[in-house]
Amino acid sequence: MDYESILKNYTEEKKDEIVHLAKINKTEMNLNNMYNNGALNTFFVLWHKHFPNVKQSKTCQGCRKSVCKFFHNLADYISSERLKAAETVKPTKPIKKKAKKAKKHITRTGALAPTGIRN
């Protein structure tokens, strides 16, 4: 099952929640070397909704790692898709060039030339 088929059922709020929980979980794992309980519970609930035939247990270390890795990758995918969408939305504006002003030419005597060309 690819990420697109999973994400098509989610609202933007649910996608934001997944990204936010993944960020919190990664931070807690880096700081305390522990999973965030709220994020872990939400990840397991979502896992069992999408994959009811694949049983995962919170007490199993390998199961925790695989579920967290899946949702961390899903959050990264959501973020990258949003960046791509933001880049494609920004149209490049053409740079307008200002018209150059004609310079006044002065003759050797200091008077202006009638044609604008130096003598």
C-alpha atoms as a PDB file:
ATOM      1  CA  MET A   1       0.000   0.000   0.000  1.00  0.00           C
ATOM      2  CA  ASP A   2       1.505   3.310  -1.023  1.00  0.00           C
ATOM      3  CA  TYR A   3       1.274   6.617   0.835  1.00  0.00           C
ATOM      4  CA  GLU A   4      -1.145   8.191  -1.647  1.00  0.00           C
ATOM      5  CA  SER A   5      -3.804   5.554  -1.053  1.00  0.00           C
ATOM      6  CA  ILE A   6      -3.500   6.054   2.710  1.00  0.00           C
ATOM      7  CA  LEU A   7      -3.519   9.851   2.584  1.00  0.00           C
ATOM      8  CA  LYS A   8      -6.525  10.171   0.281  1.00  0.00           C
ATOM      9  CA  ASN A   9      -8.819   9.356   3.235  1.00  0.00           C
ATOM     10  CA  TYR A  10      -7.246  11.944   5.545  1.00  0.00           C
ATOM     11  CA  THR A  11      -8.294  15.539   5.996  1.00  0.00           C
ATOM     12  CA  GLU A  12      -5.698  18.304   6.233  1.00  0.00           C
ATOM     13  CA  GLU A  13      -6.193  18.396  10.014  1.00  0.00           C
ATOM     14  CA  LYS A  14      -5.382  14.687  10.277  1.00  0.00           C
ATOM     15  CA  LYS A  15      -2.291  15.150   8.116  1.00  0.00           C
ATOM     16  CA  ASP A  16      -1.198  18.063  10.315  1.00  0.00           C
ATOM     17  CA  GLU A  17      -1.694  15.885  13.376  1.00  0.00           C
ATOM     18  CA  ILE A  18       0.475  13.101  11.934  1.00  0.00           C
ATOM     19  CA  VAL A  19       3.256  15.542  11.055  1.00  0.00           C
ATOM     20  CA  HIS A  20       3.039  17.170  14.488  1.00  0.00           C
ATOM     21  CA  LEU A  21       3.029  13.846  16.378  1.00  0.00           C
ATOM     22  CA  ALA A  22       5.955  12.530  14.336  1.00  0.00           C
ATOM     23  CA  LYS A  23       7.930  15.672  15.140  1.00  0.00           C
ATOM     24  CA  ILE A  24       7.143  15.371  18.846  1.00  0.00           C
ATOM     25  CA  ASN A  25       8.024  11.672  18.840  1.00  0.00           C
ATOM     26  CA  LYS A  26      11.348  12.245  17.073  1.00  0.00           C
ATOM     27  CA  THR A  27      12.237  15.013  19.521  1.00  0.00           C
ATOM     28  CA  GLU A  28      11.408  12.869  22.543  1.00  0.00           C
ATOM     29  CA  MET A  29      13.359   9.934  21.120  1.00  0.00           C
ATOM     30  CA  ASN A  30      16.416  12.140  20.616  1.00  0.00           C
ATOM     31  CA  LEU A  31      16.210  13.799  24.040  1.00  0.00           C
ATOM     32  CA  ASN A  32      15.059  11.012  26.361  1.00  0.00           C
ATOM     33  CA  ASN A  33      15.552   7.886  24.243  1.00  0.00           C
ATOM     34  CA  MET A  34      11.848   7.093  24.801  1.00  0.00           C
ATOM     35  CA  TYR A  35       8.730   7.174  22.638  1.00  0.00           C
ATOM     36  CA  ASN A  36       6.066   9.808  23.190  1.00  0.00           C
ATOM     37  CA  ASN A  37       3.042   7.953  24.623  1.00  0.00           C
ATOM     38  CA  GLY A  38       0.394  10.059  22.913  1.00  0.00           C
ATOM     39  CA  ALA A  39       2.090   9.807  19.536  1.00  0.00           C
ATOM     40  CA  LEU A  40       2.705   6.080  19.931  1.00  0.00           C
ATOM     41  CA  ASN A  41      -0.935   5.398  20.851  1.00  0.00           C
ATOM     42  CA  THR A  42      -2.191   7.442  17.895  1.00  0.00           C
ATOM     43  CA  PHE A  43       0.204   5.706  15.520  1.00  0.00           C
ATOM     44  CA  PHE A  44      -0.973   2.273  16.664  1.00  0.00           C
ATOM     45  CA  VAL A  45      -4.659   3.239  16.336  1.00  0.00           C
ATOM     46  CA  LEU A  46      -4.049   4.486  12.805  1.00  0.00           C
ATOM     47  CA  TRP A  47      -1.986   1.407  11.991  1.00  0.00           C
ATOM     48  CA  HIS A  48      -4.820  -0.934  13.006  1.00  0.00           C
ATOM     49  CA  LYS A  49      -7.297   1.080  10.920  1.00  0.00           C
ATOM     50  CA  HIS A  50      -5.197   0.746   7.767  1.00  0.00           C
ATOM     51  CA  PHE A  51      -3.727  -2.695   8.312  1.00  0.00           C
ATOM     52  CA  PRO A  52      -6.212  -4.741  10.380  1.00  0.00           C
ATOM     53  CA  ASN A  53      -4.683  -8.024   9.227  1.00  0.00           C
ATOM     54  CA  VAL A  54      -1.146  -7.037  10.329  1.00  0.00           C
ATOM     55  CA  LYS A  55      -1.078  -7.294  14.104  1.00  0.00           C
ATOM     56  CA  GLN A  56       1.380  -5.068  15.951  1.00  0.00           C
ATOM     57  CA  SER A  57       1.836  -4.887  19.706  1.00  0.00           C
ATOM     58  CA  LYS A  58       3.063  -1.913  21.727  1.00  0.00           C
ATOM     59  CA  THR A  59       4.976  -4.266  24.015  1.00  0.00           C
ATOM     60  CA  CYS A  60       7.065  -5.578  21.118  1.00  0.00           C
ATOM     61  CA  GLN A  61      10.162  -3.470  20.491  1.00  0.00           C
ATOM     62  CA  GLY A  62      10.366  -4.346  16.791  1.00  0.00           C
ATOM     63  CA  CYS A  63       6.672  -3.549  16.324  1.00  0.00           C
ATOM     64  CA  ARG A  64       7.110  -0.116  17.919  1.00  0.00           C
ATOM     65  CA  LYS A  65      10.095   0.609  15.713  1.00  0.00           C
ATOM     66  CA  SER A  66       8.329  -0.433  12.518  1.00  0.00           C
ATOM     67  CA  VAL A  67       5.087   1.474  13.253  1.00  0.00           C
ATOM     68  CA  CYS A  68       6.998   4.618  14.247  1.00  0.00           C
ATOM     69  CA  LYS A  69       9.260   4.359  11.220  1.00  0.00           C
ATOM     70  CA  PHE A  70       6.224   4.009   8.948  1.00  0.00           C
ATOM     71  CA  PHE A  71       4.500   7.083  10.371  1.00  0.00           C
ATOM     72  CA  HIS A  72       7.715   9.120  10.472  1.00  0.00           C
ATOM     73  CA  ASN A  73       8.210   8.348   6.778  1.00  0.00           C
ATOM     74  CA  LEU A  74       4.553   9.193   6.119  1.00  0.00           C
ATOM     75  CA  ALA A  75       5.004  12.549   7.884  1.00  0.00           C
ATOM     76  CA  ASP A  76       8.123  13.243   5.805  1.00  0.00           C
ATOM     77  CA  TYR A  77       6.152  12.406   2.666  1.00  0.00           C
ATOM     78  CA  ILE A  78       3.340  14.779   3.665  1.00  0.00           C
ATOM     79  CA  SER A  79       5.857  17.559   4.307  1.00  0.00           C
ATOM     80  CA  SER A  80       7.641  16.995   1.000  1.00  0.00           C
ATOM     81  CA  GLU A  81       4.338  17.009  -0.916  1.00  0.00           C
ATOM     82  CA  ARG A  82       3.410  20.310   0.711  1.00  0.00           C
ATOM     83  CA  LEU A  83       6.773  21.787  -0.263  1.00  0.00           C
ATOM     84  CA  LYS A  84       6.304  20.634  -3.859  1.00  0.00           C
ATOM     85  CA  ALA A  85       2.831  22.145  -3.932  1.00  0.00           C
ATOM     86  CA  ALA A  86       4.131  25.426  -2.514  1.00  0.00           C
ATOM     87  CA  GLU A  87       6.904  25.576  -5.119  1.00  0.00           C
ATOM     88  CA  THR A  88       4.547  24.948  -8.027  1.00  0.00           C
ATOM     89  CA  VAL A  89       2.064  27.573  -6.836  1.00  0.00           C
ATOM     90  CA  LYS A  90       4.585  30.415  -6.828  1.00  0.00           C
ATOM     91  CA  PRO A  91       4.626  31.913 -10.324  1.00  0.00           C
ATOM     92  CA  THR A  92       7.772  33.710 -11.294  1.00  0.00           C
ATOM     93  CA  LYS A  93       7.133  37.343 -12.024  1.00  0.00           C
ATOM     94  CA  PRO A  94       8.873  38.812 -15.055  1.00  0.00           C
ATOM     95  CA  ILE A  95      11.262  41.594 -14.186  1.00  0.00           C
ATOM     96  CA  LYS A  96      10.188  44.878 -15.661  1.00  0.00           C
ATOM     97  CA  LYS A  97      12.992  46.945 -17.113  1.00  0.00           C
ATOM     98  CA  LYS A  98      12.809  50.678 -16.743  1.00  0.00           C
ATOM     99  CA  ALA A  99      13.140  52.770 -19.876  1.00  0.00           C
ATOM    100  CA  LYS A 100      16.455  54.538 -20.058  1.00  0.00           C
ATOM    101  CA  LYS A 101      16.348  58.300 -20.048  1.00  0.00           C
ATOM    102  CA  ALA A 102      18.047  60.051 -22.914  1.00  0.00           C
ATOM    103  CA  LYS A 103      21.122  61.922 -21.786  1.00  0.00           C
ATOM    104  CA  LYS A 104      21.570  65.524 -22.786  1.00  0.00           C
ATOM    105  CA  HIS A 105      24.732  66.034 -24.758  1.00  0.00           C
ATOM    106  CA  ILE A 106      26.821  69.127 -24.366  1.00  0.00           C
ATOM    107  CA  THR A 107      29.034  70.612 -27.080  1.00  0.00           C
ATOM    108  CA  ARG A 108      32.661  71.514 -26.498  1.00  0.00           C
ATOM    109  CA  THR A 109      31.685  75.067 -25.780  1.00  0.00           C
ATOM    110  CA  GLY A 110      29.215  73.948 -23.184  1.00  0.00           C
ATOM    111  CA  ALA A 111      26.066  74.632 -25.174  1.00  0.00           C
ATOM    112  CA  LEU A 112      23.541  71.887 -25.875  1.00  0.00           C
ATOM    113  CA  ALA A 113      23.678  70.415 -29.343  1.00  0.00           C
ATOM    114  CA  PRO A 114      20.382  70.781 -31.211  1.00  0.00           C
ATOM    115  CA  THR A 115      20.375  67.180 -32.386  1.00  0.00           C
ATOM    116  CA  GLY A 116      21.634  65.676 -29.149  1.00  0.00           C
ATOM    117  CA  ILE A 117      24.859  64.520 -30.824  1.00  0.00           C
ATOM    118  CA  ARG A 118      28.263  65.814 -29.823  1.00  0.00           C
ATOM    119  CA  ASN A 119      30.169  67.964 -32.252  1.00  0.00           C
END
